[in-house]
Every structure is written in C-alpha cells, then in structure tokens.
Amino acid sequence: LPRLQPFSFPRHEQMPKKVIVHCAVLEGSEPFAFSWLKDGNILANSRRLQVKVSEAMSLLTIVDLNAEDIGNYTCVVTNAAGSDSFTSQLLVT
C-alpha cells in the first residue's frame, strides 16, 4: 500500500499571497495517481490553483488567496495495491 508523508500549511496571521504544499509518497510502488480535494470536493487546475505531479510527489499551489480558500485539503494517492490520504487545514488566524 502507498503511504503518504504528513504535510501542513504554514500558519498565517493574514491572508498570504501564495501557499505551496507538497504531498509525498514514503512507501509503495509506482505508478501513483494523485488527487487533491478541498472539503471533500475534487480540485481542478484553475487560474489560481495549480497541481503538479512528478513521480512520487504532488505539489499544490494556490495564489491570490481569499476567504474561500480556507478549509480542509486532502491529498489522495492511489496505486495498484490501494490508496492513502492525508488532510490538512488551511487557516488564517
């Protein structure tokens, strides 16, 4: 089974211009398929949101953040043996 490395968003006191988080596979066999969800909904690339994948890692970049971006982000990885997921909260305090 694939196993993800836990990730977290940096803590922000005000809305940042940009956040980048890495979702990396620690164990398991390639090929891997990655997906990102926000509050349970699949994320797709847009003007402000970009997902990049390279072998055993996926990179989520969000620019021009606003209040709509606050929430729980989940990275899901799947391979032939199964899947794993990890969720982290994007907060502005």
PDB file of N, CA and C in Angstrom:
ATOM      1  N   LEU A   1       0.841  -1.204   0.000  1.00  0.00           N
ATOM      2  CA  LEU A   1       0.000   0.000   0.000  1.00  0.00           C
ATOM      3  C   LEU A   1       0.874   1.252   0.000  1.00  0.00           C
ATOM      4  N   PRO A   2       0.441   2.290  -0.709  1.00  0.00           N
ATOM      5  CA  PRO A   2       1.197   3.541  -0.637  1.00  0.00           C
ATOM      6  C   PRO A   2       0.987   4.208   0.718  1.00  0.00           C
ATOM      7  N   ARG A   3       1.994   4.954   1.174  1.00  0.00           N
ATOM      8  CA  ARG A   3       1.867   5.692   2.429  1.00  0.00           C
ATOM      9  C   ARG A   3       2.377   7.106   2.213  1.00  0.00           C
ATOM     10  N   LEU A   4       1.541   8.079   2.584  1.00  0.00           N
ATOM     11  CA  LEU A   4       1.885   9.485   2.398  1.00  0.00           C
ATOM     12  C   LEU A   4       2.618  10.049   3.601  1.00  0.00           C
ATOM     13  N   GLN A   5       3.479  11.003   3.323  1.00  0.00           N
ATOM     14  CA  GLN A   5       4.119  11.773   4.385  1.00  0.00           C
ATOM     15  C   GLN A   5       3.146  12.871   4.801  1.00  0.00           C
ATOM     16  N   PRO A   6       2.893  13.027   6.101  1.00  0.00           N
ATOM     17  CA  PRO A   6       2.005  14.110   6.540  1.00  0.00           C
ATOM     18  C   PRO A   6       2.535  15.473   6.084  1.00  0.00           C
ATOM     19  N   PHE A   7       1.622  16.385   5.786  1.00  0.00           N
ATOM     20  CA  PHE A   7       2.012  17.741   5.382  1.00  0.00           C
ATOM     21  C   PHE A   7       1.136  18.730   6.121  1.00  0.00           C
ATOM     22  N   SER A   8       1.577  19.975   6.171  1.00  0.00           N
ATOM     23  CA  SER A   8       0.757  21.004   6.810  1.00  0.00           C
ATOM     24  C   SER A   8       0.963  22.331   6.105  1.00  0.00           C
ATOM     25  N   PHE A   9      -0.046  23.170   6.204  1.00  0.00           N
ATOM     26  CA  PHE A   9       0.051  24.525   5.687  1.00  0.00           C
ATOM     27  C   PHE A   9       0.719  25.395   6.743  1.00  0.00           C
ATOM     28  N   PRO A  10       1.535  26.358   6.333  1.00  0.00           N
ATOM     29  CA  PRO A  10       2.090  27.293   7.315  1.00  0.00           C
ATOM     30  C   PRO A  10       0.958  28.077   7.978  1.00  0.00           C
ATOM     31  N   ARG A  11       1.177  28.475   9.221  1.00  0.00           N
ATOM     32  CA  ARG A  11       0.192  29.319   9.920  1.00  0.00           C
ATOM     33  C   ARG A  11       0.344  30.757   9.432  1.00  0.00           C
ATOM     34  N   HIS A  12      -0.773  31.389   9.147  1.00  0.00           N
ATOM     35  CA  HIS A  12      -0.738  32.767   8.662  1.00  0.00           C
ATOM     36  C   HIS A  12      -1.618  33.634   9.551  1.00  0.00           C
ATOM     37  N   GLU A  13      -1.116  34.852   9.838  1.00  0.00           N
ATOM     38  CA  GLU A  13      -1.921  35.801  10.600  1.00  0.00           C
ATOM     39  C   GLU A  13      -2.749  36.676   9.677  1.00  0.00           C
ATOM     40  N   GLN A  14      -2.339  36.749   8.421  1.00  0.00           N
ATOM     41  CA  GLN A  14      -3.153  37.435   7.421  1.00  0.00           C
ATOM     42  C   GLN A  14      -3.121  36.620   6.144  1.00  0.00           C
ATOM     43  N   MET A  15      -4.013  36.924   5.255  1.00  0.00           N
ATOM     44  CA  MET A  15      -4.145  36.129   4.042  1.00  0.00           C
ATOM     45  C   MET A  15      -2.853  36.219   3.222  1.00  0.00           C
ATOM     46  N   PRO A  16      -2.188  35.083   2.981  1.00  0.00           N
ATOM     47  CA  PRO A  16      -0.958  35.130   2.189  1.00  0.00           C
ATOM     48  C   PRO A  16      -1.274  35.286   0.703  1.00  0.00           C
ATOM     49  N   LYS A  17      -0.277  35.723  -0.047  1.00  0.00           N
ATOM     50  CA  LYS A  17      -0.453  35.838  -1.499  1.00  0.00           C
ATOM     51  C   LYS A  17      -0.432  34.458  -2.153  1.00  0.00           C
ATOM     52  N   LYS A  18       0.332  33.537  -1.533  1.00  0.00           N
ATOM     53  CA  LYS A  18       0.566  32.250  -2.183  1.00  0.00           C
ATOM     54  C   LYS A  18       0.885  31.198  -1.130  1.00  0.00           C
ATOM     55  N   VAL A  19       0.373  29.986  -1.322  1.00  0.00           N
ATOM     56  CA  VAL A  19       0.784  28.846  -0.499  1.00  0.00           C
ATOM     57  C   VAL A  19       1.136  27.687  -1.423  1.00  0.00           C
ATOM     58  N   ILE A  20       2.122  26.908  -0.977  1.00  0.00           N
ATOM     59  CA  ILE A  20       2.543  25.709  -1.705  1.00  0.00           C
ATOM     60  C   ILE A  20       2.674  24.581  -0.697  1.00  0.00           C
ATOM     61  N   VAL A  21       2.064  23.443  -0.973  1.00  0.00           N
ATOM     62  CA  VAL A  21       2.243  22.265  -0.116  1.00  0.00           C
ATOM     63  C   VAL A  21       2.635  21.071  -0.975  1.00  0.00           C
ATOM     64  N   HIS A  22       3.482  20.220  -0.381  1.00  0.00           N
ATOM     65  CA  HIS A  22       3.965  19.008  -1.043  1.00  0.00           C
ATOM     66  C   HIS A  22       3.261  17.802  -0.442  1.00  0.00           C
ATOM     67  N   CYS A  23       2.843  16.902  -1.284  1.00  0.00           N
ATOM     68  CA  CYS A  23       2.271  15.624  -0.860  1.00  0.00           C
ATOM     69  C   CYS A  23       3.185  14.540  -1.428  1.00  0.00           C
ATOM     70  N   ALA A  24       3.922  13.869  -0.535  1.00  0.00           N
ATOM     71  CA  ALA A  24       4.940  12.923  -0.988  1.00  0.00           C
ATOM     72  C   ALA A  24       4.633  11.516  -0.498  1.00  0.00           C
ATOM     73  N   VAL A  25       4.922  10.541  -1.352  1.00  0.00           N
ATOM     74  CA  VAL A  25       4.735   9.133  -1.009  1.00  0.00           C
ATOM     75  C   VAL A  25       6.014   8.607  -0.359  1.00  0.00           C
ATOM     76  N   LEU A  26       5.871   8.032   0.840  1.00  0.00           N
ATOM     77  CA  LEU A  26       7.014   7.467   1.556  1.00  0.00           C
ATOM     78  C   LEU A  26       7.241   6.009   1.202  1.00  0.00           C
ATOM     79  N   GLU A  27       6.154   5.289   0.949  1.00  0.00           N
ATOM     80  CA  GLU A  27       6.247   3.855   0.663  1.00  0.00           C
ATOM     81  C   GLU A  27       5.279   3.502  -0.454  1.00  0.00           C
ATOM     82  N   GLY A  28       5.589   2.419  -1.149  1.00  0.00           N
ATOM     83  CA  GLY A  28       4.695   1.942  -2.201  1.00  0.00           C
ATOM     84  C   GLY A  28       5.381   1.916  -3.548  1.00  0.00           C
ATOM     85  N   SER A  29       4.735   1.278  -4.492  1.00  0.00           N
ATOM     86  CA  SER A  29       5.305   1.089  -5.825  1.00  0.00           C
ATOM     87  C   SER A  29       4.611   1.977  -6.847  1.00  0.00           C
ATOM     88  N   GLU A  30       5.417   2.569  -7.730  1.00  0.00           N
ATOM     89  CA  GLU A  30       4.851   3.352  -8.831  1.00  0.00           C
ATOM     90  C   GLU A  30       4.205   2.406  -9.842  1.00  0.00           C
ATOM     91  N   PRO A  31       3.309   2.907 -10.668  1.00  0.00           N
ATOM     92  CA  PRO A  31       2.919   4.314 -10.804  1.00  0.00           C
ATOM     93  C   PRO A  31       1.879   4.724  -9.760  1.00  0.00           C
ATOM     94  N   PHE A  32       1.919   6.028  -9.413  1.00  0.00           N
ATOM     95  CA  PHE A  32       0.971   6.607  -8.466  1.00  0.00           C
ATOM     96  C   PHE A  32       0.032   7.563  -9.197  1.00  0.00           C
ATOM     97  N   ALA A  33      -1.202   7.616  -8.746  1.00  0.00           N
ATOM     98  CA  ALA A  33      -2.156   8.618  -9.221  1.00  0.00           C
ATOM     99  C   ALA A  33      -2.513   9.495  -8.031  1.00  0.00           C
ATOM    100  N   PHE A  34      -2.422  10.806  -8.205  1.00  0.00           N
ATOM    101  CA  PHE A  34      -2.716  11.752  -7.126  1.00  0.00           C
ATOM    102  C   PHE A  34      -4.000  12.504  -7.419  1.00  0.00           C
ATOM    103  N   SER A  35      -4.710  12.852  -6.364  1.00  0.00           N
ATOM    104  CA  SER A  35      -5.805  13.806  -6.491  1.00  0.00           C
ATOM    105  C   SER A  35      -5.838  14.656  -5.234  1.00  0.00           C
ATOM    106  N   TRP A  36      -6.345  15.867  -5.378  1.00  0.00           N
ATOM    107  CA  TRP A  36      -6.493  16.798  -4.262  1.00  0.00           C
ATOM    108  C   TRP A  36      -7.970  17.131  -4.100  1.00  0.00           C
ATOM    109  N   LEU A  37      -8.397  17.227  -2.847  1.00  0.00           N
ATOM    110  CA  LEU A  37      -9.768  17.615  -2.539  1.00  0.00           C
ATOM    111  C   LEU A  37      -9.745  18.767  -1.548  1.00  0.00           C
ATOM    112  N   LYS A  38     -10.731  19.625  -1.651  1.00  0.00           N
ATOM    113  CA  LYS A  38     -10.950  20.666  -0.643  1.00  0.00           C
ATOM    114  C   LYS A  38     -12.336  20.442  -0.069  1.00  0.00           C
ATOM    115  N   ASP A  39     -12.382  20.231   1.246  1.00  0.00           N
ATOM    116  CA  ASP A  39     -13.652  19.965   1.933  1.00  0.00           C
ATOM    117  C   ASP A  39     -14.433  18.853   1.227  1.00  0.00           C
ATOM    118  N   GLY A  40     -13.696  17.847   0.744  1.00  0.00           N
ATOM    119  CA  GLY A  40     -14.319  16.675   0.141  1.00  0.00           C
ATOM    120  C   GLY A  40     -14.613  16.773  -1.341  1.00  0.00           C
ATOM    121  N   ASN A  41     -14.348  17.939  -1.952  1.00  0.00           N
ATOM    122  CA  ASN A  41     -14.625  18.130  -3.378  1.00  0.00           C
ATOM    123  C   ASN A  41     -13.324  18.126  -4.176  1.00  0.00           C
ATOM    124  N   ILE A  42     -13.319  17.404  -5.295  1.00  0.00           N
ATOM    125  CA  ILE A  42     -12.121  17.310  -6.135  1.00  0.00           C
ATOM    126  C   ILE A  42     -11.715  18.695  -6.642  1.00  0.00           C
ATOM    127  N   LEU A  43     -10.418  18.985  -6.560  1.00  0.00           N
ATOM    128  CA  LEU A  43      -9.887  20.250  -7.062  1.00  0.00           C
ATOM    129  C   LEU A  43      -9.379  20.071  -8.486  1.00  0.00           C
ATOM    130  N   ALA A  44      -9.624  21.062  -9.306  1.00  0.00           N
ATOM    131  CA  ALA A  44      -9.107  21.069 -10.675  1.00  0.00           C
ATOM    132  C   ALA A  44      -8.232  22.303 -10.856  1.00  0.00           C
ATOM    133  N   ASN A  45      -7.285  22.221 -11.781  1.00  0.00           N
ATOM    134  CA  ASN A  45      -6.442  23.379 -12.064  1.00  0.00           C
ATOM    135  C   ASN A  45      -7.310  24.555 -12.509  1.00  0.00           C
ATOM    136  N   SER A  46      -6.927  25.745 -12.060  1.00  0.00           N
ATOM    137  CA  SER A  46      -7.630  26.966 -12.445  1.00  0.00           C
ATOM    138  C   SER A  46      -6.591  28.081 -12.506  1.00  0.00           C
ATOM    139  N   ARG A  47      -7.059  29.297 -12.692  1.00  0.00           N
ATOM    140  CA  ARG A  47      -6.145  30.438 -12.749  1.00  0.00           C
ATOM    141  C   ARG A  47      -5.366  30.578 -11.442  1.00  0.00           C
ATOM    142  N   ARG A  48      -6.024  30.282 -10.337  1.00  0.00           N
ATOM    143  CA  ARG A  48      -5.403  30.483  -9.023  1.00  0.00           C
ATOM    144  C   ARG A  48      -4.870  29.208  -8.389  1.00  0.00           C
ATOM    145  N   LEU A  49      -5.191  28.073  -8.951  1.00  0.00           N
ATOM    146  CA  LEU A  49      -4.834  26.803  -8.320  1.00  0.00           C
ATOM    147  C   LEU A  49      -4.155  25.895  -9.329  1.00  0.00           C
ATOM    148  N   GLN A  50      -3.004  25.376  -8.924  1.00  0.00           N
ATOM    149  CA  GLN A  50      -2.267  24.505  -9.838  1.00  0.00           C
ATOM    150  C   GLN A  50      -1.784  23.267  -9.102  1.00  0.00           C
ATOM    151  N   VAL A  51      -1.994  22.117  -9.722  1.00  0.00           N
ATOM    152  CA  VAL A  51      -1.497  20.844  -9.200  1.00  0.00           C
ATOM    153  C   VAL A  51      -0.450  20.320 -10.171  1.00  0.00           C
ATOM    154  N   LYS A  52       0.727  20.003  -9.626  1.00  0.00           N
ATOM    155  CA  LYS A  52       1.782  19.390 -10.437  1.00  0.00           C
ATOM    156  C   LYS A  52       2.122  18.040  -9.830  1.00  0.00           C
ATOM    157  N   VAL A  53       2.433  17.081 -10.680  1.00  0.00           N
ATOM    158  CA  VAL A  53       2.785  15.734 -10.215  1.00  0.00           C
ATOM    159  C   VAL A  53       4.110  15.343 -10.837  1.00  0.00           C
ATOM    160  N   SER A  54       5.013  14.809 -10.000  1.00  0.00           N
ATOM    161  CA  SER A  54       6.250  14.236 -10.525  1.00  0.00           C
ATOM    162  C   SER A  54       6.521  12.941  -9.768  1.00  0.00           C
ATOM    163  N   GLU A  55       6.338  11.840 -10.437  1.00  0.00           N
ATOM    164  CA  GLU A  55       6.583  10.504  -9.897  1.00  0.00           C
ATOM    165  C   GLU A  55       5.911  10.296  -8.542  1.00  0.00           C
ATOM    166  N   ALA A  56       6.661  10.430  -7.438  1.00  0.00           N
ATOM    167  CA  ALA A  56       6.108  10.103  -6.120  1.00  0.00           C
ATOM    168  C   ALA A  56       5.744  11.340  -5.311  1.00  0.00           C
ATOM    169  N   MET A  57       5.481  12.472  -5.986  1.00  0.00           N
ATOM    170  CA  MET A  57       5.124  13.691  -5.265  1.00  0.00           C
ATOM    171  C   MET A  57       4.129  14.519  -6.056  1.00  0.00           C
ATOM    172  N   SER A  58       3.246  15.196  -5.324  1.00  0.00           N
ATOM    173  CA  SER A  58       2.333  16.147  -5.940  1.00  0.00           C
ATOM    174  C   SER A  58       2.467  17.477  -5.210  1.00  0.00           C
ATOM    175  N   LEU A  59       2.403  18.549  -5.972  1.00  0.00           N
ATOM    176  CA  LEU A  59       2.586  19.895  -5.441  1.00  0.00           C
ATOM    177  C   LEU A  59       1.308  20.680  -5.692  1.00  0.00           C
ATOM    178  N   LEU A  60       0.746  21.246  -4.632  1.00  0.00           N
ATOM    179  CA  LEU A  60      -0.445  22.088  -4.753  1.00  0.00           C
ATOM    180  C   LEU A  60      -0.037  23.534  -4.510  1.00  0.00           C
ATOM    181  N   THR A  61      -0.318  24.397  -5.474  1.00  0.00           N
ATOM    182  CA  THR A  61      -0.018  25.825  -5.350  1.00  0.00           C
ATOM    183  C   THR A  61      -1.318  26.602  -5.482  1.00  0.00           C
ATOM    184  N   ILE A  62      -1.545  27.515  -4.532  1.00  0.00           N
ATOM    185  CA  ILE A  62      -2.715  28.397  -4.587  1.00  0.00           C
ATOM    186  C   ILE A  62      -2.197  29.827  -4.518  1.00  0.00           C
ATOM    187  N   VAL A  63      -2.621  30.666  -5.457  1.00  0.00           N
ATOM    188  CA  VAL A  63      -2.197  32.065  -5.467  1.00  0.00           C
ATOM    189  C   VAL A  63      -3.406  32.974  -5.272  1.00  0.00           C
ATOM    190  N   ASP A  64      -3.117  34.234  -4.914  1.00  0.00           N
ATOM    191  CA  ASP A  64      -4.174  35.235  -4.691  1.00  0.00           C
ATOM    192  C   ASP A  64      -5.245  34.688  -3.752  1.00  0.00           C
ATOM    193  N   LEU A  65      -4.803  34.198  -2.598  1.00  0.00           N
ATOM    194  CA  LEU A  65      -5.731  33.555  -1.668  1.00  0.00           C
ATOM    195  C   LEU A  65      -6.818  34.502  -1.194  1.00  0.00           C
ATOM    196  N   ASN A  66      -7.991  33.931  -0.950  1.00  0.00           N
ATOM    197  CA  ASN A  66      -9.075  34.691  -0.342  1.00  0.00           C
ATOM    198  C   ASN A  66      -9.803  33.784   0.645  1.00  0.00           C
ATOM    199  N   ALA A  67     -10.827  34.311   1.282  1.00  0.00           N
ATOM    200  CA  ALA A  67     -11.514  33.579   2.349  1.00  0.00           C
ATOM    201  C   ALA A  67     -12.091  32.252   1.865  1.00  0.00           C
ATOM    202  N   GLU A  68     -12.438  32.167   0.580  1.00  0.00           N
ATOM    203  CA  GLU A  68     -12.995  30.918   0.038  1.00  0.00           C
ATOM    204  C   GLU A  68     -11.996  29.767   0.093  1.00  0.00           C
ATOM    205  N   ASP A  69     -10.708  30.098   0.167  1.00  0.00           N
ATOM    206  CA  ASP A  69      -9.680  29.056   0.135  1.00  0.00           C
ATOM    207  C   ASP A  69      -9.454  28.393   1.493  1.00  0.00           C
ATOM    208  N   ILE A  70      -9.968  28.984   2.558  1.00  0.00           N
ATOM    209  CA  ILE A  70      -9.822  28.394   3.886  1.00  0.00           C
ATOM    210  C   ILE A  70     -10.630  27.100   3.935  1.00  0.00           C
ATOM    211  N   GLY A  71     -10.018  26.053   4.479  1.00  0.00           N
ATOM    212  CA  GLY A  71     -10.727  24.775   4.562  1.00  0.00           C
ATOM    213  C   GLY A  71      -9.769  23.622   4.716  1.00  0.00           C
ATOM    214  N   ASN A  72     -10.293  22.421   4.556  1.00  0.00           N
ATOM    215  CA  ASN A  72      -9.518  21.193   4.708  1.00  0.00           C
ATOM    216  C   ASN A  72      -9.120  20.658   3.336  1.00  0.00           C
ATOM    217  N   TYR A  73      -7.826  20.488   3.144  1.00  0.00           N
ATOM    218  CA  TYR A  73      -7.280  20.000   1.880  1.00  0.00           C
ATOM    219  C   TYR A  73      -6.770  18.580   2.071  1.00  0.00           C
ATOM    220  N   THR A  74      -7.179  17.695   1.175  1.00  0.00           N
ATOM    221  CA  THR A  74      -6.802  16.282   1.253  1.00  0.00           C
ATOM    222  C   THR A  74      -6.038  15.889   0.002  1.00  0.00           C
ATOM    223  N   CYS A  75      -4.901  15.231   0.227  1.00  0.00           N
ATOM    224  CA  CYS A  75      -4.155  14.623  -0.870  1.00  0.00           C
ATOM    225  C   CYS A  75      -4.452  13.131  -0.834  1.00  0.00           C
ATOM    226  N   VAL A  76      -4.811  12.570  -1.983  1.00  0.00           N
ATOM    227  CA  VAL A  76      -5.087  11.136  -2.098  1.00  0.00           C
ATOM    228  C   VAL A  76      -4.109  10.556  -3.107  1.00  0.00           C
ATOM    229  N   VAL A  77      -3.453   9.461  -2.724  1.00  0.00           N
ATOM    230  CA  VAL A  77      -2.581   8.755  -3.658  1.00  0.00           C
ATOM    231  C   VAL A  77      -3.100   7.335  -3.825  1.00  0.00           C
ATOM    232  N   THR A  78      -3.056   6.849  -5.055  1.00  0.00           N
ATOM    233  CA  THR A  78      -3.537   5.504  -5.363  1.00  0.00           C
ATOM    234  C   THR A  78      -2.506   4.801  -6.238  1.00  0.00           C
ATOM    235  N   ASN A  79      -2.309   3.509  -5.959  1.00  0.00           N
ATOM    236  CA  ASN A  79      -1.535   2.668  -6.877  1.00  0.00           C
ATOM    237  C   ASN A  79      -2.246   1.331  -6.996  1.00  0.00           C
ATOM    238  N   ALA A  80      -1.599   0.357  -7.614  1.00  0.00           N
ATOM    239  CA  ALA A  80      -2.253  -0.931  -7.856  1.00  0.00           C
ATOM    240  C   ALA A  80      -2.635  -1.639  -6.562  1.00  0.00           C
ATOM    241  N   ALA A  81      -1.919  -1.337  -5.461  1.00  0.00           N
ATOM    242  CA  ALA A  81      -2.153  -2.035  -4.195  1.00  0.00           C
ATOM    243  C   ALA A  81      -3.240  -1.393  -3.340  1.00  0.00           C
ATOM    244  N   GLY A  82      -3.564  -0.120  -3.599  1.00  0.00           N
ATOM    245  CA  GLY A  82      -4.562   0.551  -2.775  1.00  0.00           C
ATOM    246  C   GLY A  82      -4.344   2.046  -2.760  1.00  0.00           C
ATOM    247  N   SER A  83      -4.761   2.692  -1.665  1.00  0.00           N
ATOM    248  CA  SER A  83      -4.652   4.150  -1.606  1.00  0.00           C
ATOM    249  C   SER A  83      -4.381   4.614  -0.186  1.00  0.00           C
ATOM    250  N   ASP A  84      -3.967   5.869  -0.068  1.00  0.00           N
ATOM    251  CA  ASP A  84      -3.767   6.523   1.219  1.00  0.00           C
ATOM    252  C   ASP A  84      -4.166   7.978   1.029  1.00  0.00           C
ATOM    253  N   SER A  85      -4.525   8.631   2.116  1.00  0.00           N
ATOM    254  CA  SER A  85      -4.862  10.050   2.035  1.00  0.00           C
ATOM    255  C   SER A  85      -4.404  10.746   3.302  1.00  0.00           C
ATOM    256  N   PHE A  86      -4.207  12.054   3.181  1.00  0.00           N
ATOM    257  CA  PHE A  86      -3.863  12.874   4.337  1.00  0.00           C
ATOM    258  C   PHE A  86      -4.558  14.209   4.161  1.00  0.00           C
ATOM    259  N   THR A  87      -5.076  14.749   5.266  1.00  0.00           N
ATOM    260  CA  THR A  87      -5.810  16.012   5.237  1.00  0.00           C
ATOM    261  C   THR A  87      -5.147  17.026   6.153  1.00  0.00           C
ATOM    262  N   SER A  88      -5.052  18.264   5.679  1.00  0.00           N
ATOM    263  CA  SER A  88      -4.503  19.357   6.469  1.00  0.00           C
ATOM    264  C   SER A  88      -5.402  20.572   6.301  1.00  0.00           C
ATOM    265  N   GLN A  89      -5.451  21.399   7.332  1.00  0.00           N
ATOM    266  CA  GLN A  89      -6.339  22.561   7.312  1.00  0.00           C
ATOM    267  C   GLN A  89      -5.565  23.828   6.961  1.00  0.00           C
ATOM    268  N   LEU A  90      -6.099  24.581   6.005  1.00  0.00           N
ATOM    269  CA  LEU A  90      -5.569  25.907   5.694  1.00  0.00           C
ATOM    270  C   LEU A  90      -6.353  26.904   6.529  1.00  0.00           C
ATOM    271  N   LEU A  91      -5.634  27.589   7.416  1.00  0.00           N
ATOM    272  CA  LEU A  91      -6.247  28.518   8.358  1.00  0.00           C
ATOM    273  C   LEU A  91      -5.593  29.880   8.236  1.00  0.00           C
ATOM    274  N   VAL A  92      -6.348  30.916   8.481  1.00  0.00           N
ATOM    275  CA  VAL A  92      -5.785  32.243   8.677  1.00  0.00           C
ATOM    276  C   VAL A  92      -6.293  32.708  10.029  1.00  0.00           C
ATOM    277  N   THR A  93      -5.355  32.946  10.965  1.00  0.00           N
ATOM    278  CA  THR A  93      -5.754  33.260  12.348  1.00  0.00           C
ATOM    279  C   THR A  93      -5.659  34.739  12.631  1.00  0.00           C
TER     280      THR A  93
END
